[in-house]
Amino acid sequence: AATIAGRWRGTSLCVDLKRAPACKNEQVMYTITPVAGVLDSATMNADKLVNGEWGFMGTIDLHYESAAREWRSEFRAPNGLNGRWWFAVRGDSLTGGLLDLPSRAPIRAVRAKRTR
């Protein structure tokens, strides 16, 4: 979990407005901390920039999928969306996004850089 730990800042952009018509492009900041004593788990606190101020969006529990070399979190939203957040770390770059399940169609694309 040390590879993903830290603060990340970047963008979360809408990819498919048909599947997610309420989607808005966002500037985001993720603060990710390892879960103590669990090597393949981390917690992400997600914030977005609104009117010049950071606003908390929520917390995501991430688990590392070694075969895919990515961090994932699957969920079912109140609006009926089944989705998977996924993130891959390459040095100080974080890429990822949100996929619709089970189709695996992309809904969001995330790009961020480590800030600390």
N, C-alpha and C. Protein backbone atom coordinates (compact mmCIF):
# COMPACT_ATOMS: atom_id res chain seq x y z
N ALA A 1 0.82 -1.21 0.00
CA ALA A 1 0.00 0.00 0.00
C ALA A 1 0.86 1.26 0.00
N ALA A 2 2.14 1.12 0.29
CA ALA A 2 3.01 2.29 0.33
C ALA A 2 3.11 2.97 -1.04
N THR A 3 2.97 2.21 -2.13
CA THR A 3 3.10 2.81 -3.46
C THR A 3 1.97 3.77 -3.78
N ILE A 4 0.79 3.58 -3.20
CA ILE A 4 -0.35 4.46 -3.50
C ILE A 4 -0.57 5.49 -2.40
N ALA A 5 0.08 5.32 -1.26
CA ALA A 5 -0.12 6.25 -0.13
C ALA A 5 0.35 7.65 -0.48
N GLY A 6 -0.39 8.64 0.00
CA GLY A 6 -0.02 10.03 -0.19
C GLY A 6 -1.18 10.88 -0.64
N ARG A 7 -0.87 12.08 -1.05
CA ARG A 7 -1.89 12.99 -1.56
C ARG A 7 -1.69 13.14 -3.05
N TRP A 8 -2.79 13.04 -3.79
CA TRP A 8 -2.80 13.09 -5.25
C TRP A 8 -3.74 14.19 -5.70
N ARG A 9 -3.33 14.92 -6.72
CA ARG A 9 -4.18 15.99 -7.24
C ARG A 9 -4.22 15.91 -8.75
N GLY A 10 -5.46 16.05 -9.32
CA GLY A 10 -5.59 15.97 -10.77
C GLY A 10 -7.02 16.18 -11.22
N THR A 11 -7.43 15.41 -12.24
CA THR A 11 -8.76 15.57 -12.82
C THR A 11 -9.50 14.24 -12.85
N SER A 12 -10.82 14.36 -12.79
CA SER A 12 -11.73 13.23 -12.99
C SER A 12 -12.73 13.70 -14.04
N LEU A 13 -12.57 13.18 -15.25
CA LEU A 13 -13.35 13.68 -16.39
C LEU A 13 -14.42 12.69 -16.82
N CYS A 14 -15.55 13.22 -17.24
CA CYS A 14 -16.67 12.40 -17.71
C CYS A 14 -16.34 11.81 -19.07
N VAL A 15 -16.64 10.53 -19.25
CA VAL A 15 -16.36 9.84 -20.50
C VAL A 15 -17.65 9.46 -21.22
N ASP A 16 -18.72 9.14 -20.45
CA ASP A 16 -19.96 8.64 -21.05
C ASP A 16 -21.17 9.29 -20.39
N LEU A 17 -21.65 10.39 -20.98
CA LEU A 17 -22.80 11.10 -20.41
C LEU A 17 -24.13 10.38 -20.63
N LYS A 18 -24.15 9.39 -21.52
CA LYS A 18 -25.38 8.59 -21.68
C LYS A 18 -25.58 7.69 -20.47
N ARG A 19 -24.52 7.07 -19.99
CA ARG A 19 -24.61 6.20 -18.82
C ARG A 19 -24.71 7.00 -17.53
N ALA A 20 -24.10 8.18 -17.50
CA ALA A 20 -24.07 9.01 -16.29
C ALA A 20 -24.37 10.46 -16.67
N PRO A 21 -25.64 10.78 -16.96
CA PRO A 21 -25.99 12.12 -17.45
C PRO A 21 -25.72 13.25 -16.45
N ALA A 22 -25.64 12.95 -15.17
CA ALA A 22 -25.39 14.00 -14.17
C ALA A 22 -23.90 14.22 -13.93
N CYS A 23 -23.05 13.50 -14.62
CA CYS A 23 -21.61 13.59 -14.44
C CYS A 23 -21.09 15.00 -14.76
N LYS A 24 -20.16 15.47 -13.95
CA LYS A 24 -19.49 16.76 -14.16
C LYS A 24 -17.99 16.54 -14.09
N ASN A 25 -17.24 17.19 -14.98
CA ASN A 25 -15.78 17.16 -14.90
C ASN A 25 -15.35 17.82 -13.60
N GLU A 26 -14.31 17.26 -12.96
CA GLU A 26 -13.91 17.75 -11.64
C GLU A 26 -12.39 17.84 -11.52
N GLN A 27 -11.95 18.83 -10.73
CA GLN A 27 -10.59 18.84 -10.22
C GLN A 27 -10.68 18.11 -8.89
N VAL A 28 -9.80 17.13 -8.68
CA VAL A 28 -9.90 16.28 -7.50
C VAL A 28 -8.61 16.24 -6.71
N MET A 29 -8.76 15.90 -5.43
CA MET A 29 -7.63 15.65 -4.55
C MET A 29 -7.97 14.40 -3.76
N TYR A 30 -7.07 13.43 -3.82
CA TYR A 30 -7.25 12.17 -3.10
C TYR A 30 -6.17 12.05 -2.04
N THR A 31 -6.58 11.74 -0.82
CA THR A 31 -5.64 11.46 0.25
C THR A 31 -5.78 9.98 0.57
N ILE A 32 -4.70 9.23 0.35
CA ILE A 32 -4.76 7.77 0.45
C ILE A 32 -3.83 7.31 1.56
N THR A 33 -4.38 6.48 2.46
CA THR A 33 -3.60 5.94 3.57
C THR A 33 -3.73 4.42 3.60
N PRO A 34 -2.62 3.73 3.88
CA PRO A 34 -2.68 2.27 4.00
C PRO A 34 -3.54 1.87 5.20
N VAL A 35 -4.17 0.72 5.12
CA VAL A 35 -4.88 0.16 6.26
C VAL A 35 -3.84 -0.56 7.11
N ALA A 36 -3.74 -0.20 8.39
CA ALA A 36 -2.72 -0.77 9.27
C ALA A 36 -2.83 -2.29 9.32
N GLY A 37 -1.70 -2.95 9.08
CA GLY A 37 -1.63 -4.39 9.19
C GLY A 37 -2.18 -5.17 8.01
N VAL A 38 -2.66 -4.48 6.96
CA VAL A 38 -3.21 -5.18 5.79
C VAL A 38 -2.46 -4.67 4.55
N LEU A 39 -1.62 -5.51 3.97
CA LEU A 39 -0.73 -5.08 2.88
C LEU A 39 -1.45 -4.65 1.62
N ASP A 40 -2.61 -5.22 1.31
CA ASP A 40 -3.27 -4.95 0.03
C ASP A 40 -4.51 -4.06 0.17
N SER A 41 -4.58 -3.26 1.23
CA SER A 41 -5.75 -2.40 1.44
C SER A 41 -5.34 -0.97 1.78
N ALA A 42 -6.13 -0.03 1.28
CA ALA A 42 -5.90 1.39 1.55
C ALA A 42 -7.25 2.10 1.58
N THR A 43 -7.26 3.27 2.20
CA THR A 43 -8.47 4.09 2.26
C THR A 43 -8.21 5.41 1.54
N MET A 44 -9.14 5.78 0.66
CA MET A 44 -9.03 7.02 -0.10
C MET A 44 -10.11 7.99 0.36
N ASN A 45 -9.70 9.19 0.78
CA ASN A 45 -10.63 10.29 1.01
C ASN A 45 -10.59 11.17 -0.22
N ALA A 46 -11.75 11.37 -0.84
CA ALA A 46 -11.83 12.11 -2.10
C ALA A 46 -12.46 13.47 -1.88
N ASP A 47 -11.81 14.50 -2.43
CA ASP A 47 -12.32 15.87 -2.40
C ASP A 47 -12.37 16.41 -3.82
N LYS A 48 -13.26 17.38 -4.05
CA LYS A 48 -13.30 18.06 -5.35
C LYS A 48 -13.33 19.56 -5.12
N LEU A 49 -12.85 20.29 -6.11
CA LEU A 49 -12.79 21.74 -6.04
C LEU A 49 -14.11 22.32 -6.54
N VAL A 50 -14.78 23.08 -5.66
CA VAL A 50 -16.05 23.72 -5.99
C VAL A 50 -15.98 25.17 -5.56
N ASN A 51 -16.15 26.08 -6.52
CA ASN A 51 -16.10 27.52 -6.23
C ASN A 51 -14.84 27.91 -5.46
N GLY A 52 -13.71 27.33 -5.84
CA GLY A 52 -12.43 27.68 -5.23
C GLY A 52 -12.15 27.03 -3.90
N GLU A 53 -13.03 26.16 -3.41
CA GLU A 53 -12.81 25.50 -2.12
C GLU A 53 -12.94 23.99 -2.28
N TRP A 54 -12.14 23.26 -1.49
CA TRP A 54 -12.19 21.81 -1.53
C TRP A 54 -13.38 21.32 -0.72
N GLY A 55 -14.15 20.42 -1.32
CA GLY A 55 -15.31 19.83 -0.66
C GLY A 55 -15.19 18.32 -0.63
N PHE A 56 -15.48 17.73 0.51
CA PHE A 56 -15.36 16.28 0.70
C PHE A 56 -16.44 15.56 -0.09
N MET A 57 -16.05 14.54 -0.88
CA MET A 57 -17.01 13.73 -1.64
C MET A 57 -17.30 12.40 -0.96
N GLY A 58 -16.30 11.81 -0.32
CA GLY A 58 -16.52 10.54 0.33
C GLY A 58 -15.25 9.74 0.51
N THR A 59 -15.42 8.56 1.08
CA THR A 59 -14.31 7.65 1.35
C THR A 59 -14.50 6.37 0.53
N ILE A 60 -13.42 5.89 -0.03
CA ILE A 60 -13.44 4.66 -0.82
C ILE A 60 -12.43 3.69 -0.20
N ASP A 61 -12.86 2.46 0.05
CA ASP A 61 -11.95 1.41 0.49
C ASP A 61 -11.38 0.72 -0.74
N LEU A 62 -10.06 0.73 -0.86
CA LEU A 62 -9.38 0.15 -2.01
C LEU A 62 -8.69 -1.15 -1.65
N HIS A 63 -8.67 -2.09 -2.60
CA HIS A 63 -7.97 -3.35 -2.44
C HIS A 63 -7.11 -3.57 -3.68
N TYR A 64 -5.89 -4.05 -3.47
CA TYR A 64 -4.97 -4.26 -4.57
C TYR A 64 -5.25 -5.59 -5.27
N GLU A 65 -5.39 -5.54 -6.59
CA GLU A 65 -5.55 -6.72 -7.43
C GLU A 65 -4.23 -6.95 -8.14
N SER A 66 -3.45 -7.89 -7.64
CA SER A 66 -2.09 -8.08 -8.15
C SER A 66 -2.06 -8.52 -9.62
N ALA A 67 -3.01 -9.34 -10.05
CA ALA A 67 -3.01 -9.80 -11.44
C ALA A 67 -3.18 -8.63 -12.41
N ALA A 68 -4.00 -7.65 -12.04
CA ALA A 68 -4.24 -6.48 -12.88
C ALA A 68 -3.27 -5.33 -12.57
N ARG A 69 -2.53 -5.44 -11.46
CA ARG A 69 -1.63 -4.38 -11.00
C ARG A 69 -2.37 -3.06 -10.81
N GLU A 70 -3.54 -3.16 -10.14
CA GLU A 70 -4.33 -1.95 -9.89
C GLU A 70 -5.09 -2.06 -8.57
N TRP A 71 -5.46 -0.90 -8.07
CA TRP A 71 -6.27 -0.78 -6.86
C TRP A 71 -7.72 -0.65 -7.28
N ARG A 72 -8.64 -1.34 -6.59
CA ARG A 72 -10.04 -1.37 -7.00
C ARG A 72 -10.99 -1.20 -5.83
N SER A 73 -12.18 -0.73 -6.18
CA SER A 73 -13.30 -0.68 -5.24
C SER A 73 -14.59 -0.81 -6.04
N GLU A 74 -15.37 -1.85 -5.74
CA GLU A 74 -16.66 -2.04 -6.42
C GLU A 74 -17.79 -1.60 -5.52
N PHE A 75 -18.88 -1.09 -6.13
CA PHE A 75 -19.99 -0.56 -5.35
C PHE A 75 -21.30 -0.63 -6.14
N ARG A 76 -22.39 -0.44 -5.42
CA ARG A 76 -23.71 -0.26 -6.02
C ARG A 76 -24.24 1.07 -5.46
N ALA A 77 -24.51 2.02 -6.36
CA ALA A 77 -24.98 3.35 -5.97
C ALA A 77 -26.50 3.34 -5.78
N PRO A 78 -27.02 4.29 -4.99
CA PRO A 78 -28.46 4.39 -4.80
C PRO A 78 -29.24 4.55 -6.11
N ASN A 79 -28.60 5.13 -7.14
CA ASN A 79 -29.29 5.32 -8.43
C ASN A 79 -29.30 4.05 -9.28
N GLY A 80 -28.75 2.95 -8.75
CA GLY A 80 -28.75 1.68 -9.47
C GLY A 80 -27.47 1.36 -10.21
N LEU A 81 -26.54 2.30 -10.29
CA LEU A 81 -25.28 2.07 -10.99
C LEU A 81 -24.43 1.06 -10.21
N ASN A 82 -23.98 0.03 -10.89
CA ASN A 82 -22.95 -0.86 -10.36
C ASN A 82 -21.66 -0.39 -10.98
N GLY A 83 -20.65 -0.15 -10.15
CA GLY A 83 -19.43 0.38 -10.71
C GLY A 83 -18.18 -0.14 -10.04
N ARG A 84 -17.07 0.13 -10.69
CA ARG A 84 -15.75 -0.18 -10.15
C ARG A 84 -14.83 1.01 -10.35
N TRP A 85 -14.32 1.54 -9.24
CA TRP A 85 -13.21 2.48 -9.32
C TRP A 85 -11.94 1.66 -9.46
N TRP A 86 -11.02 2.11 -10.29
CA TRP A 86 -9.73 1.44 -10.43
C TRP A 86 -8.64 2.50 -10.57
N PHE A 87 -7.48 2.19 -10.01
CA PHE A 87 -6.36 3.12 -10.04
C PHE A 87 -5.06 2.34 -10.20
N ALA A 88 -4.17 2.87 -11.03
CA ALA A 88 -2.84 2.29 -11.23
C ALA A 88 -1.80 3.35 -10.92
N VAL A 89 -0.75 2.96 -10.24
CA VAL A 89 0.32 3.87 -9.85
C VAL A 89 1.56 3.55 -10.67
N ARG A 90 2.12 4.58 -11.28
CA ARG A 90 3.40 4.48 -11.99
C ARG A 90 4.25 5.65 -11.51
N GLY A 91 5.11 5.40 -10.54
CA GLY A 91 5.92 6.47 -9.95
C GLY A 91 5.02 7.46 -9.23
N ASP A 92 5.09 8.72 -9.65
CA ASP A 92 4.27 9.77 -9.05
C ASP A 92 3.04 10.10 -9.89
N SER A 93 2.64 9.17 -10.77
CA SER A 93 1.43 9.35 -11.59
C SER A 93 0.38 8.32 -11.20
N LEU A 94 -0.86 8.79 -11.08
CA LEU A 94 -2.00 7.93 -10.78
C LEU A 94 -2.97 8.04 -11.95
N THR A 95 -3.29 6.91 -12.56
CA THR A 95 -4.31 6.89 -13.60
C THR A 95 -5.40 5.93 -13.16
N GLY A 96 -6.58 6.13 -13.70
CA GLY A 96 -7.67 5.24 -13.33
C GLY A 96 -8.98 5.74 -13.87
N GLY A 97 -10.03 5.34 -13.17
CA GLY A 97 -11.35 5.78 -13.60
C GLY A 97 -12.46 4.97 -12.97
N LEU A 98 -13.63 5.17 -13.52
CA LEU A 98 -14.83 4.49 -13.08
C LEU A 98 -15.39 3.71 -14.24
N LEU A 99 -15.66 2.42 -14.00
CA LEU A 99 -16.25 1.55 -15.01
C LEU A 99 -17.66 1.16 -14.60
N ASP A 100 -18.56 1.07 -15.58
CA ASP A 100 -19.87 0.50 -15.37
C ASP A 100 -19.71 -1.01 -15.29
N LEU A 101 -20.45 -1.64 -14.39
CA LEU A 101 -20.43 -3.10 -14.32
C LEU A 101 -21.82 -3.64 -14.60
N PRO A 102 -21.98 -4.71 -15.31
CA PRO A 102 -20.92 -5.62 -15.74
C PRO A 102 -20.32 -5.29 -17.10
N SER A 103 -20.79 -4.25 -17.78
CA SER A 103 -20.33 -3.99 -19.16
C SER A 103 -18.86 -3.57 -19.24
N ARG A 104 -18.32 -3.01 -18.14
CA ARG A 104 -16.95 -2.49 -18.08
C ARG A 104 -16.76 -1.26 -18.97
N ALA A 105 -17.87 -0.61 -19.33
CA ALA A 105 -17.80 0.63 -20.12
C ALA A 105 -17.27 1.76 -19.23
N PRO A 106 -16.32 2.55 -19.74
CA PRO A 106 -15.78 3.65 -18.94
C PRO A 106 -16.79 4.77 -18.75
N ILE A 107 -16.84 5.30 -17.52
CA ILE A 107 -17.71 6.43 -17.18
C ILE A 107 -16.88 7.66 -16.84
N ARG A 108 -15.76 7.45 -16.14
CA ARG A 108 -14.86 8.54 -15.77
C ARG A 108 -13.42 8.14 -16.06
N ALA A 109 -12.60 9.14 -16.35
CA ALA A 109 -11.15 8.96 -16.52
C ALA A 109 -10.44 9.85 -15.50
N VAL A 110 -9.55 9.25 -14.72
CA VAL A 110 -8.82 9.98 -13.67
C VAL A 110 -7.35 10.05 -14.02
N ARG A 111 -6.77 11.22 -13.84
CA ARG A 111 -5.33 11.45 -13.98
C ARG A 111 -4.91 12.35 -12.84
N ALA A 112 -3.88 11.93 -12.09
CA ALA A 112 -3.43 12.74 -10.95
C ALA A 112 -1.93 12.57 -10.74
N LYS A 113 -1.36 13.54 -10.06
CA LYS A 113 0.06 13.51 -9.69
C LYS A 113 0.17 13.56 -8.17
N ARG A 114 1.18 12.87 -7.67
CA ARG A 114 1.43 12.88 -6.23
C ARG A 114 1.92 14.27 -5.81
N THR A 115 1.34 14.80 -4.76
CA THR A 115 1.75 16.12 -4.29
C THR A 115 2.58 16.04 -3.01
N ARG A 116 2.47 14.90 -2.30
CA ARG A 116 3.31 14.65 -1.12
C ARG A 116 3.12 13.25 -0.64
